[in-house]
PDB file of N, CA and C in Angstrom:
ATOM      1  N   MET A   1     146.724  49.863 120.442  1.00  0.00           N
ATOM      2  CA  MET A   1     147.636  51.611 120.832  1.00  0.00           C
ATOM      3  C   MET A   1     147.250  52.025 119.379  1.00  0.00           C
ATOM      4  N   ARG A   2     147.782  51.490 118.285  1.00  0.00           N
ATOM      5  CA  ARG A   2     147.445  51.544 116.673  1.00  0.00           C
ATOM      6  C   ARG A   2     145.931  52.406 116.331  1.00  0.00           C
ATOM      7  N   TYR A   3     145.190  51.690 116.841  1.00  0.00           N
ATOM      8  CA  TYR A   3     144.074  51.942 116.936  1.00  0.00           C
ATOM      9  C   TYR A   3     143.710  52.950 117.579  1.00  0.00           C
ATOM     10  N   ILE A   4     143.840  53.944 118.925  1.00  0.00           N
ATOM     11  CA  ILE A   4     143.162  54.626 119.496  1.00  0.00           C
ATOM     12  C   ILE A   4     143.967  55.822 118.914  1.00  0.00           C
ATOM     13  N   SER A   5     145.640  55.669 118.247  1.00  0.00           N
ATOM     14  CA  SER A   5     146.100  56.704 117.338  1.00  0.00           C
ATOM     15  C   SER A   5     145.342  56.992 116.098  1.00  0.00           C
ATOM     16  N   ALA A   6     144.905  55.905 115.602  1.00  0.00           N
ATOM     17  CA  ALA A   6     144.222  56.325 114.352  1.00  0.00           C
ATOM     18  C   ALA A   6     142.859  56.902 114.780  1.00  0.00           C
ATOM     19  N   LEU A   7     142.359  56.435 115.837  1.00  0.00           N
ATOM     20  CA  LEU A   7     140.852  57.114 116.029  1.00  0.00           C
ATOM     21  C   LEU A   7     141.157  58.609 116.574  1.00  0.00           C
ATOM     22  N   VAL A   8     142.208  58.944 117.306  1.00  0.00           N
ATOM     23  CA  VAL A   8     142.375  60.222 117.486  1.00  0.00           C
ATOM     24  C   VAL A   8     142.499  61.169 116.186  1.00  0.00           C
ATOM     25  N   THR A   9     143.157  60.648 115.436  1.00  0.00           N
ATOM     26  CA  THR A   9     143.817  61.583 114.149  1.00  0.00           C
ATOM     27  C   THR A   9     142.454  61.686 113.148  1.00  0.00           C
ATOM     28  N   THR A  10     141.827  60.535 113.323  1.00  0.00           N
ATOM     29  CA  THR A  10     140.648  60.763 112.401  1.00  0.00           C
ATOM     30  C   THR A  10     139.546  61.736 113.454  1.00  0.00           C
ATOM     31  N   SER A  11     139.572  61.864 114.396  1.00  0.00           N
ATOM     32  CA  SER A  11     138.694  62.531 115.274  1.00  0.00           C
ATOM     33  C   SER A  11     139.169  64.185 115.097  1.00  0.00           C
ATOM     34  N   LEU A  12     140.379  64.291 115.049  1.00  0.00           N
ATOM     35  CA  LEU A  12     141.076  65.457 114.786  1.00  0.00           C
ATOM     36  C   LEU A  12     140.947  66.117 113.688  1.00  0.00           C
ATOM     37  N   LEU A  13     140.798  65.176 112.572  1.00  0.00           N
ATOM     38  CA  LEU A  13     140.957  65.479 111.207  1.00  0.00           C
ATOM     39  C   LEU A  13     139.404  66.035 110.806  1.00  0.00           C
ATOM     40  N   ILE A  14     138.474  65.351 111.581  1.00  0.00           N
ATOM     41  CA  ILE A  14     136.837  65.209 111.420  1.00  0.00           C
ATOM     42  C   ILE A  14     136.508  66.944 111.878  1.00  0.00           C
ATOM     43  N   GLY A  15     137.412  67.046 113.270  1.00  0.00           N
ATOM     44  CA  GLY A  15     136.587  68.165 114.020  1.00  0.00           C
ATOM     45  C   GLY A  15     137.920  69.571 112.958  1.00  0.00           C
ATOM     46  N   SER A  16     138.914  69.333 112.608  1.00  0.00           N
ATOM     47  CA  SER A  16     139.159  70.599 111.906  1.00  0.00           C
ATOM     48  C   SER A  16     138.425  70.713 110.801  1.00  0.00           C
ATOM     49  N   LEU A  17     138.121  70.126 110.036  1.00  0.00           N
ATOM     50  CA  LEU A  17     137.193  70.165 108.712  1.00  0.00           C
ATOM     51  C   LEU A  17     135.801  70.610 108.822  1.00  0.00           C
ATOM     52  N   SER A  18     135.158  70.311 110.497  1.00  0.00           N
ATOM     53  CA  SER A  18     133.873  70.999 110.224  1.00  0.00           C
ATOM     54  C   SER A  18     134.005  72.371 110.293  1.00  0.00           C
ATOM     55  N   GLY A  19     135.259  72.820 110.613  1.00  0.00           N
ATOM     56  CA  GLY A  19     135.278  74.646 110.967  1.00  0.00           C
ATOM     57  C   GLY A  19     135.443  74.963 109.341  1.00  0.00           C
ATOM     58  N   CYS A  20     135.503  74.129 108.542  1.00  0.00           N
ATOM     59  CA  CYS A  20     135.538  74.638 106.649  1.00  0.00           C
ATOM     60  C   CYS A  20     134.250  74.312 106.163  1.00  0.00           C
ATOM     61  N   VAL A  21     133.433  74.245 106.591  1.00  0.00           N
ATOM     62  CA  VAL A  21     132.127  73.750 106.001  1.00  0.00           C
ATOM     63  C   VAL A  21     131.659  75.068 105.585  1.00  0.00           C
ATOM     64  N   VAL A  22     131.392  75.462 104.466  1.00  0.00           N
ATOM     65  CA  VAL A  22     130.468  76.456 103.954  1.00  0.00           C
ATOM     66  C   VAL A  22     129.300  76.576 103.665  1.00  0.00           C
ATOM     67  N   GLU A  23     128.498  77.657 104.546  1.00  0.00           N
ATOM     68  CA  GLU A  23     127.316  77.531 104.319  1.00  0.00           C
ATOM     69  C   GLU A  23     126.847  78.235 103.267  1.00  0.00           C
ATOM     70  N   PRO A  24     125.541  77.766 102.467  1.00  0.00           N
ATOM     71  CA  PRO A  24     125.547  78.616 101.500  1.00  0.00           C
ATOM     72  C   PRO A  24     124.661  80.083 101.553  1.00  0.00           C
ATOM     73  N   ALA A  25     125.091  80.971 101.058  1.00  0.00           N
ATOM     74  CA  ALA A  25     124.479  82.210 101.100  1.00  0.00           C
ATOM     75  C   ALA A  25     123.130  82.479 101.269  1.00  0.00           C
ATOM     76  N   ARG A  26     122.517  83.068 101.837  1.00  0.00           N
ATOM     77  CA  ARG A  26     121.093  83.472 101.966  1.00  0.00           C
ATOM     78  C   ARG A  26     120.570  84.858 101.256  1.00  0.00           C
ATOM     79  N   VAL A  27     119.992  84.203 100.258  1.00  0.00           N
ATOM     80  CA  VAL A  27     119.356  85.330  99.310  1.00  0.00           C
ATOM     81  C   VAL A  27     118.190  85.839  99.507  1.00  0.00           C
ATOM     82  N   ARG A  28     117.980  87.333  99.154  1.00  0.00           N
ATOM     83  CA  ARG A  28     115.934  87.155  99.709  1.00  0.00           C
ATOM     84  C   ARG A  28     115.642  87.556  98.516  1.00  0.00           C
ATOM     85  N   VAL A  29     114.766  87.126  98.008  1.00  0.00           N
ATOM     86  CA  VAL A  29     114.495  87.235  96.641  1.00  0.00           C
ATOM     87  C   VAL A  29     112.891  87.641  96.573  1.00  0.00           C
ATOM     88  N   ARG A  30     112.446  89.171  96.077  1.00  0.00           N
ATOM     89  CA  ARG A  30     111.261  89.533  96.187  1.00  0.00           C
ATOM     90  C   ARG A  30     110.431  89.063  95.167  1.00  0.00           C
ATOM     91  N   ALA A  31     109.054  88.201  95.125  1.00  0.00           N
ATOM     92  CA  ALA A  31     108.411  87.655  94.334  1.00  0.00           C
ATOM     93  C   ALA A  31     107.779  88.622  93.412  1.00  0.00           C
ATOM     94  N   PRO A  32     107.583  88.099  92.031  1.00  0.00           N
ATOM     95  CA  PRO A  32     107.569  88.820  91.142  1.00  0.00           C
ATOM     96  C   PRO A  32     105.886  89.492  91.327  1.00  0.00           C
ATOM     97  N   ALA A  33     105.814  91.080  90.694  1.00  0.00           N
ATOM     98  CA  ALA A  33     104.854  91.154  90.616  1.00  0.00           C
ATOM     99  C   ALA A  33     103.599  90.425  90.051  1.00  0.00           C
ATOM    100  N   ILE A  34     102.224  90.594  90.595  1.00  0.00           N
ATOM    101  CA  ILE A  34     100.869  89.585  89.931  1.00  0.00           C
ATOM    102  C   ILE A  34     100.704  90.556  88.866  1.00  0.00           C
ATOM    103  N   GLU A  35     100.583  90.066  87.583  1.00  0.00           N
ATOM    104  CA  GLU A  35     100.080  90.542  86.644  1.00  0.00           C
ATOM    105  C   GLU A  35      98.159  90.770  87.010  1.00  0.00           C
ATOM    106  N   ILE A  36      97.519  91.937  86.677  1.00  0.00           N
ATOM    107  CA  ILE A  36      96.373  91.882  86.688  1.00  0.00           C
ATOM    108  C   ILE A  36      95.864  92.111  85.575  1.00  0.00           C
ATOM    109  N   SER A  37      95.034  91.301  85.134  1.00  0.00           N
ATOM    110  CA  SER A  37      94.387  91.177  83.725  1.00  0.00           C
ATOM    111  C   SER A  37      93.348  92.794  83.314  1.00  0.00           C
ATOM    112  N   GLU A  38      93.498  93.306  82.531  1.00  0.00           N
ATOM    113  CA  GLU A  38      92.329  94.457  81.878  1.00  0.00           C
ATOM    114  C   GLU A  38      91.201  94.459  82.050  1.00  0.00           C
ATOM    115  N   VAL A  39      90.906  95.523  82.902  1.00  0.00           N
ATOM    116  CA  VAL A  39      88.972  95.387  82.764  1.00  0.00           C
ATOM    117  C   VAL A  39      88.513  96.056  81.678  1.00  0.00           C
ATOM    118  N   ILE A  40      87.959  95.259  80.786  1.00  0.00           N
ATOM    119  CA  ILE A  40      87.090  95.924  79.471  1.00  0.00           C
ATOM    120  C   ILE A  40      85.641  95.548  79.488  1.00  0.00           C
ATOM    121  N   VAL A  41      85.238  97.034  79.202  1.00  0.00           N
ATOM    122  CA  VAL A  41      83.806  97.021  79.308  1.00  0.00           C
ATOM    123  C   VAL A  41      83.336  97.404  78.187  1.00  0.00           C
ATOM    124  N   SER A  42      82.211  96.735  77.232  1.00  0.00           N
ATOM    125  CA  SER A  42      81.458  97.384  76.102  1.00  0.00           C
ATOM    126  C   SER A  42      80.828  98.430  76.284  1.00  0.00           C
ATOM    127  N   ARG A  43      80.584  99.119  77.494  1.00  0.00           N
ATOM    128  CA  ARG A  43      80.013 100.129  77.423  1.00  0.00           C
ATOM    129  C   ARG A  43      80.425 101.436  78.419  1.00  0.00           C
ATOM    130  N   PRO A  44      80.253 102.558  78.378  1.00  0.00           N
ATOM    131  CA  PRO A  44      81.279 103.465  78.731  1.00  0.00           C
ATOM    132  C   PRO A  44      80.652 104.066  80.058  1.00  0.00           C
ATOM    133  N   PRO A  45      81.663 104.085  81.039  1.00  0.00           N
ATOM    134  CA  PRO A  45      80.764 104.766  82.322  1.00  0.00           C
ATOM    135  C   PRO A  45      80.089 105.630  82.508  1.00  0.00           C
ATOM    136  N   PRO A  46      79.159 106.174  83.286  1.00  0.00           N
ATOM    137  CA  PRO A  46      78.804 107.524  83.674  1.00  0.00           C
ATOM    138  C   PRO A  46      79.461 108.238  83.882  1.00  0.00           C
ATOM    139  N   PRO A  47      79.196 109.469  83.726  1.00  0.00           N
ATOM    140  CA  PRO A  47      80.310 110.650  83.809  1.00  0.00           C
ATOM    141  C   PRO A  47      80.510 110.674  85.546  1.00  0.00           C
ATOM    142  N   PRO A  48      81.917 111.224  85.680  1.00  0.00           N
ATOM    143  CA  PRO A  48      82.077 111.384  86.957  1.00  0.00           C
ATOM    144  C   PRO A  48      81.475 111.845  88.049  1.00  0.00           C
ATOM    145  N   ARG A  49      81.223 111.957  89.002  1.00  0.00           N
ATOM    146  CA  ARG A  49      80.496 112.302  90.184  1.00  0.00           C
ATOM    147  C   ARG A  49      81.630 113.555  90.639  1.00  0.00           C
ATOM    148  N   GLU A  50      80.919 114.732  90.848  1.00  0.00           N
ATOM    149  CA  GLU A  50      81.227 116.028  91.546  1.00  0.00           C
ATOM    150  C   GLU A  50      81.201 115.465  92.878  1.00  0.00           C
ATOM    151  N   GLU A  51      82.575 115.669  93.717  1.00  0.00           N
ATOM    152  CA  GLU A  51      82.327 115.391  94.839  1.00  0.00           C
ATOM    153  C   GLU A  51      83.250 116.529  95.895  1.00  0.00           C
ATOM    154  N   PRO A  52      82.523 116.780  96.720  1.00  0.00           N
ATOM    155  CA  PRO A  52      83.106 117.920  97.558  1.00  0.00           C
ATOM    156  C   PRO A  52      84.565 117.254  98.241  1.00  0.00           C
ATOM    157  N   ILE A  53      85.832 118.063  98.141  1.00  0.00           N
ATOM    158  CA  ILE A  53      86.865 117.765  98.453  1.00  0.00           C
ATOM    159  C   ILE A  53      86.895 118.322 100.298  1.00  0.00           C
ATOM    160  N   PRO A  54      86.869 117.123 101.234  1.00  0.00           N
ATOM    161  CA  PRO A  54      86.988 117.754 102.736  1.00  0.00           C
ATOM    162  C   PRO A  54      88.723 117.874 102.829  1.00  0.00           C
ATOM    163  N   PRO A  55      88.628 118.972 104.119  1.00  0.00           N
ATOM    164  CA  PRO A  55      89.742 119.127 104.403  1.00  0.00           C
ATOM    165  C   PRO A  55      90.929 117.885 104.610  1.00  0.00           C
ATOM    166  N   PRO A  56      92.016 117.622 104.430  1.00  0.00           N
ATOM    167  CA  PRO A  56      92.960 117.095 104.844  1.00  0.00           C
ATOM    168  C   PRO A  56      92.890 116.626 106.177  1.00  0.00           C
ATOM    169  N   PRO A  57      93.525 115.255 106.181  1.00  0.00           N
ATOM    170  CA  PRO A  57      93.812 114.648 107.966  1.00  0.00           C
ATOM    171  C   PRO A  57      94.582 115.899 108.364  1.00  0.00           C
ATOM    172  N   ARG A  58      94.735 115.470 109.710  1.00  0.00           N
ATOM    173  CA  ARG A  58      95.498 116.370 110.806  1.00  0.00           C
ATOM    174  C   ARG A  58      96.934 115.555 110.275  1.00  0.00           C
ATOM    175  N   GLY A  59      97.992 116.575 110.415  1.00  0.00           N
ATOM    176  CA  GLY A  59      99.257 115.980 110.258  1.00  0.00           C
ATOM    177  C   GLY A  59      99.751 117.310 108.766  1.00  0.00           C
ATOM    178  N   PRO A  60     101.451 116.573 108.782  1.00  0.00           N
ATOM    179  CA  PRO A  60     101.758 117.393 107.394  1.00  0.00           C
ATOM    180  C   PRO A  60     100.624 117.708 106.155  1.00  0.00           C
ATOM    181  N   VAL A  61     100.066 118.672 105.622  1.00  0.00           N
ATOM    182  CA  VAL A  61      99.471 118.683 104.508  1.00  0.00           C
ATOM    183  C   VAL A  61     100.064 117.816 103.678  1.00  0.00           C
ATOM    184  N   GLU A  62     101.262 118.719 103.001  1.00  0.00           N
ATOM    185  CA  GLU A  62     101.870 117.923 101.970  1.00  0.00           C
ATOM    186  C   GLU A  62     102.139 116.474 101.965  1.00  0.00           C
ATOM    187  N   MET A  63     101.851 115.894 102.879  1.00  0.00           N
ATOM    188  CA  MET A  63     102.199 114.210 102.651  1.00  0.00           C
ATOM    189  C   MET A  63     100.785 113.280 102.333  1.00  0.00           C
ATOM    190  N   PHE A  64      99.572 114.226 102.496  1.00  0.00           N
ATOM    191  CA  PHE A  64      98.351 113.385 101.822  1.00  0.00           C
ATOM    192  C   PHE A  64      98.054 114.015 100.138  1.00  0.00           C
ATOM    193  N   ALA A  65      97.810 112.977  99.613  1.00  0.00           N
ATOM    194  CA  ALA A  65      97.008 113.704  98.623  1.00  0.00           C
ATOM    195  C   ALA A  65      95.559 113.233  98.295  1.00  0.00           C
ATOM    196  N   TRP A  66      94.695 113.829  97.685  1.00  0.00           N
ATOM    197  CA  TRP A  66      93.279 113.487  97.608  1.00  0.00           C
ATOM    198  C   TRP A  66      93.007 112.306  95.961  1.00  0.00           C
ATOM    199  N   GLN A  67      92.490 111.430  96.292  1.00  0.00           N
ATOM    200  CA  GLN A  67      92.521 110.312  95.478  1.00  0.00           C
ATOM    201  C   GLN A  67      90.883 110.326  94.887  1.00  0.00           C
ATOM    202  N   PRO A  68      90.794 111.375  94.001  1.00  0.00           N
ATOM    203  CA  PRO A  68      88.999 111.322  93.576  1.00  0.00           C
ATOM    204  C   PRO A  68      88.297 109.955  93.394  1.00  0.00           C
ATOM    205  N   GLY A  69      86.950 110.510  93.477  1.00  0.00           N
ATOM    206  CA  GLY A  69      86.322 108.693  93.144  1.00  0.00           C
ATOM    207  C   GLY A  69      86.586 108.552  91.680  1.00  0.00           C
ATOM    208  N   HIS A  70      85.822 107.158  91.687  1.00  0.00           N
ATOM    209  CA  HIS A  70      85.770 106.771  90.335  1.00  0.00           C
ATOM    210  C   HIS A  70      84.853 105.795  90.271  1.00  0.00           C
ATOM    211  N   TRP A  71      84.419 105.140  88.844  1.00  0.00           N
ATOM    212  CA  TRP A  71      83.342 104.364  88.308  1.00  0.00           C
ATOM    213  C   TRP A  71      84.393 102.643  88.760  1.00  0.00           C
ATOM    214  N   HIS A  72      83.859 101.902  89.054  1.00  0.00           N
ATOM    215  CA  HIS A  72      84.240 100.619  89.229  1.00  0.00           C
ATOM    216  C   HIS A  72      83.129  99.715  88.453  1.00  0.00           C
ATOM    217  N   TRP A  73      84.050  99.003  87.700  1.00  0.00           N
ATOM    218  CA  TRP A  73      82.817  97.620  87.495  1.00  0.00           C
ATOM    219  C   TRP A  73      83.191  96.312  87.983  1.00  0.00           C
ATOM    220  N   ASP A  74      81.941  95.968  88.591  1.00  0.00           N
ATOM    221  CA  ASP A  74      81.895  94.648  89.189  1.00  0.00           C
ATOM    222  C   ASP A  74      81.573  93.734  88.388  1.00  0.00           C
ATOM    223  N   GLY A  75      81.505  93.679  87.167  1.00  0.00           N
ATOM    224  CA  GLY A  75      81.364  92.268  85.976  1.00  0.00           C
ATOM    225  C   GLY A  75      79.758  92.495  85.651  1.00  0.00           C
ATOM    226  N   ARG A  76      79.023  93.387  86.260  1.00  0.00           N
ATOM    227  CA  ARG A  76      77.507  93.784  85.535  1.00  0.00           C
ATOM    228  C   ARG A  76      77.130  94.886  85.637  1.00  0.00           C
ATOM    229  N   GLU A  77      77.534  95.928  86.367  1.00  0.00           N
ATOM    230  CA  GLU A  77      77.451  97.258  86.196  1.00  0.00           C
ATOM    231  C   GLU A  77      78.648  97.998  86.780  1.00  0.00           C
ATOM    232  N   TYR A  78      78.505  99.457  86.885  1.00  0.00           N
ATOM    233  CA  TYR A  78      79.639 100.652  87.440  1.00  0.00           C
ATOM    234  C   TYR A  78      78.690 100.726  88.660  1.00  0.00           C
ATOM    235  N   ASN A  79      79.490 100.769  89.465  1.00  0.00           N
ATOM    236  CA  ASN A  79      79.756 101.031  90.715  1.00  0.00           C
ATOM    237  C   ASN A  79      80.768 102.257  91.214  1.00  0.00           C
ATOM    238  N   TRP A  80      80.140 103.383  92.114  1.00  0.00           N
ATOM    239  CA  TRP A  80      80.711 104.332  92.415  1.00  0.00           C
ATOM    240  C   TRP A  80      81.533 104.389  93.696  1.00  0.00           C
ATOM    241  N   LYS A  81      83.272 104.582  93.233  1.00  0.00           N
ATOM    242  CA  LYS A  81      83.558 104.594  94.718  1.00  0.00           C
ATOM    243  C   LYS A  81      84.464 105.907  94.960  1.00  0.00           C
ATOM    244  N   PRO A  82      83.528 106.561  96.105  1.00  0.00           N
ATOM    245  CA  PRO A  82      84.048 107.873  96.466  1.00  0.00           C
ATOM    246  C   PRO A  82      85.574 108.266  96.765  1.00  0.00           C
ATOM    247  N   GLY A  83      86.104 109.238  96.728  1.00  0.00           N
ATOM    248  CA  GLY A  83      87.222 109.774  96.831  1.00  0.00           C
ATOM    249  C   GLY A  83      87.785 109.386  98.097  1.00  0.00           C
ATOM    250  N   HIS A  84      89.036 109.952  98.321  1.00  0.00           N
ATOM    251  CA  HIS A  84      89.699 109.163  99.937  1.00  0.00           C
ATOM    252  C   HIS A  84      90.758 110.141  99.696  1.00  0.00           C
ATOM    253  N   TYR A  85      91.592 110.591 100.726  1.00  0.00           N
ATOM    254  CA  TYR A  85      93.114 111.028 101.053  1.00  0.00           C
ATOM    255  C   TYR A  85      93.809 109.891 101.240  1.00  0.00           C
ATOM    256  N   GLU A  86      94.787 109.741 100.663  1.00  0.00           N
ATOM    257  CA  GLU A  86      95.872 108.506 100.813  1.00  0.00           C
ATOM    258  C   GLU A  86      97.142 109.317 101.461  1.00  0.00           C
ATOM    259  N   LYS A  87      97.725 108.962 102.006  1.00  0.00           N
ATOM    260  CA  LYS A  87      99.065 109.267 102.546  1.00  0.00           C
ATOM    261  C   LYS A  87     100.063 108.724 101.620  1.00  0.00           C
ATOM    262  N   ARG A  88     101.034 110.310 101.306  1.00  0.00           N
ATOM    263  CA  ARG A  88     101.811 109.867  99.923  1.00  0.00           C
ATOM    264  C   ARG A  88     102.708 108.950 100.414  1.00  0.00           C
ATOM    265  N   PRO A  89     103.273 107.963  99.443  1.00  0.00           N
ATOM    266  CA  PRO A  89     104.853 107.232  99.806  1.00  0.00           C
ATOM    267  C   PRO A  89     105.948 108.084  99.770  1.00  0.00           C
ATOM    268  N   ALA A  90     105.995 109.077  99.536  1.00  0.00           N
ATOM    269  CA  ALA A  90     107.293 110.251  99.266  1.00  0.00           C
ATOM    270  C   ALA A  90     106.536 111.499  99.084  1.00  0.00           C
ATOM    271  N   ARG A  91     107.224 112.690  99.400  1.00  0.00           N
ATOM    272  CA  ARG A  91     107.102 114.389  99.290  1.00  0.00           C
ATOM    273  C   ARG A  91     106.820 114.343  98.241  1.00  0.00           C
ATOM    274  N   GLU A  92     107.506 114.135  97.237  1.00  0.00           N
ATOM    275  CA  GLU A  92     107.392 114.189  95.631  1.00  0.00           C
ATOM    276  C   GLU A  92     106.420 113.235  94.644  1.00  0.00           C
ATOM    277  N   ALA A  93     105.929 112.320  95.482  1.00  0.00           N
ATOM    278  CA  ALA A  93     104.868 111.616  94.534  1.00  0.00           C
ATOM    279  C   ALA A  93     103.590 112.353  94.531  1.00  0.00           C
ATOM    280  N   GLN A  94     103.117 112.018  93.105  1.00  0.00           N
ATOM    281  CA  GLN A  94     101.663 112.728  92.860  1.00  0.00           C
ATOM    282  C   GLN A  94     100.798 111.708  92.283  1.00  0.00           C
ATOM    283  N   TRP A  95      99.625 111.506  92.674  1.00  0.00           N
ATOM    284  CA  TRP A  95      98.710 110.626  92.393  1.00  0.00           C
ATOM    285  C   TRP A  95      98.142 111.121  90.956  1.00  0.00           C
ATOM    286  N   VAL A  96      98.140 110.254  90.006  1.00  0.00           N
ATOM    287  CA  VAL A  96      97.417 109.947  88.622  1.00  0.00           C
ATOM    288  C   VAL A  96      96.219 109.189  88.767  1.00  0.00           C
ATOM    289  N   PRO A  97      95.392 109.817  88.792  1.00  0.00           N
ATOM    290  CA  PRO A  97      94.345 109.433  88.981  1.00  0.00           C
ATOM    291  C   PRO A  97      93.771 108.259  88.065  1.00  0.00           C
ATOM    292  N   HIS A  98      92.443 107.440  88.714  1.00  0.00           N
ATOM    293  CA  HIS A  98      91.947 105.951  87.976  1.00  0.00           C
ATOM    294  C   HIS A  98      91.182 106.560  86.655  1.00  0.00           C
ATOM    295  N   ALA A  99      91.106 106.093  85.486  1.00  0.00           N
ATOM    296  CA  ALA A  99      90.522 106.363  84.267  1.00  0.00           C
ATOM    297  C   ALA A  99      90.226 105.347  83.357  1.00  0.00           C
ATOM    298  N   TRP A 100      88.854 105.641  82.775  1.00  0.00           N
ATOM    299  CA  TRP A 100      88.257 104.773  81.781  1.00  0.00           C
ATOM    300  C   TRP A 100      88.810 105.607  80.484  1.00  0.00           C
ATOM    301  N   VAL A 101      89.686 104.356  79.776  1.00  0.00           N
ATOM    302  CA  VAL A 101      90.093 104.991  78.515  1.00  0.00           C
ATOM    303  C   VAL A 101      89.471 104.111  77.064  1.00  0.00           C
ATOM    304  N   PRO A 102      88.836 104.870  76.084  1.00  0.00           N
ATOM    305  CA  PRO A 102      87.746 104.324  74.976  1.00  0.00           C
ATOM    306  C   PRO A 102      89.209 103.378  74.034  1.00  0.00           C
ATOM    307  N   ARG A 103      88.723 102.274  73.611  1.00  0.00           N
ATOM    308  CA  ARG A 103      89.835 101.664  72.700  1.00  0.00           C
ATOM    309  C   ARG A 103      88.718 101.059  72.000  1.00  0.00           C
ATOM    310  N   GLY A 104      88.865 101.625  70.870  1.00  0.00           N
ATOM    311  CA  GLY A 104      87.531 101.328  69.861  1.00  0.00           C
ATOM    312  C   GLY A 104      86.193 101.334  70.410  1.00  0.00           C
ATOM    313  N   ASN A 105      85.752 100.268  70.672  1.00  0.00           N
ATOM    314  CA  ASN A 105      84.112 100.161  70.969  1.00  0.00           C
ATOM    315  C   ASN A 105      83.860  99.854  72.309  1.00  0.00           C
ATOM    316  N   GLN A 106      85.208  99.330  73.020  1.00  0.00           N
ATOM    317  CA  GLN A 106      85.080  99.412  74.366  1.00  0.00           C
ATOM    318  C   GLN A 106      85.813 100.286  75.541  1.00  0.00           C
ATOM    319  N   TRP A 107      85.987 100.311  76.601  1.00  0.00           N
ATOM    320  CA  TRP A 107      86.524 101.254  77.617  1.00  0.00           C
ATOM    321  C   TRP A 107      87.406 100.248  78.482  1.00  0.00           C
ATOM    322  N   VAL A 108      88.517 100.694  78.718  1.00  0.00           N
ATOM    323  CA  VAL A 108      89.570  99.979  79.600  1.00  0.00           C
ATOM    324  C   VAL A 108      89.659 100.802  80.808  1.00  0.00           C
ATOM    325  N   PHE A 109      89.870 100.036  81.946  1.00  0.00           N
ATOM    326  CA  PHE A 109      90.440 100.638  82.981  1.00  0.00           C
ATOM    327  C   PHE A 109      91.759 100.869  83.054  1.00  0.00           C
ATOM    328  N   VAL A 110      92.214 102.084  83.612  1.00  0.00           N
ATOM    329  CA  VAL A 110      93.541 102.155  83.693  1.00  0.00           C
ATOM    330  C   VAL A 110      93.232 102.738  84.966  1.00  0.00           C
ATOM    331  N   PRO A 111      94.426 101.791  86.271  1.00  0.00           N
ATOM    332  CA  PRO A 111      94.189 102.088  87.561  1.00  0.00           C
ATOM    333  C   PRO A 111      95.086 103.174  87.702  1.00  0.00           C
ATOM    334  N   GLY A 112      94.820 103.910  89.034  1.00  0.00           N
ATOM    335  CA  GLY A 112      95.224 105.409  89.254  1.00  0.00           C
ATOM    336  C   GLY A 112      96.907 104.649  89.751  1.00  0.00           C
ATOM    337  N   HIS A 113      97.731 105.498  90.290  1.00  0.00           N
ATOM    338  CA  HIS A 113      98.999 105.213  90.324  1.00  0.00           C
ATOM    339  C   HIS A 113      99.712 106.315  90.877  1.00  0.00           C
ATOM    340  N   TRP A 114     100.881 105.913  91.601  1.00  0.00           N
ATOM    341  CA  TRP A 114     101.675 107.145  91.906  1.00  0.00           C
ATOM    342  C   TRP A 114     103.046 107.447  91.172  1.00  0.00           C
ATOM    343  N   ALA A 115     102.866 108.879  90.845  1.00  0.00           N
ATOM    344  CA  ALA A 115     103.836 109.233  89.671  1.00  0.00           C
ATOM    345  C   ALA A 115     105.081 109.824  90.429  1.00  0.00           C
ATOM    346  N   TYR A 116     106.543 109.648  90.288  1.00  0.00           N
ATOM    347  CA  TYR A 116     107.819 110.564  91.031  1.00  0.00           C
ATOM    348  C   TYR A 116     108.397 111.629  89.942  1.00  0.00           C
ATOM    349  N   HIS A 117     108.188 112.644  90.351  1.00  0.00           N
ATOM    350  CA  HIS A 117     108.771 113.813  89.284  1.00  0.00           C
ATOM    351  C   HIS A 117     110.161 114.409  89.736  1.00  0.00           C
TER     352      HIS A 117
END
């Protein structure tokens, strides 16, 4: 009888403690941004091409921004990437175009990005 009483007490104790188990909090962590190394070229890019800007896509005109074409370095030569419309991430976002910036005797590519004013 003592054995059964001890077994019941132990079962009740374990059962009551199981409600006290604290589960660790789940936290979402964003992965760090991947750093992209600079593109540095020893010769200047050709002059930008003149592109006709087509009408924007259908929809609210203020939700689209024209991203002008730019010269892309593929490791051997410059290739022209034509301009295109891109949907704005927010109404106030302004597109800052890609650029090649001189640094000493070299040229550094500065990627285009959205700026918020």
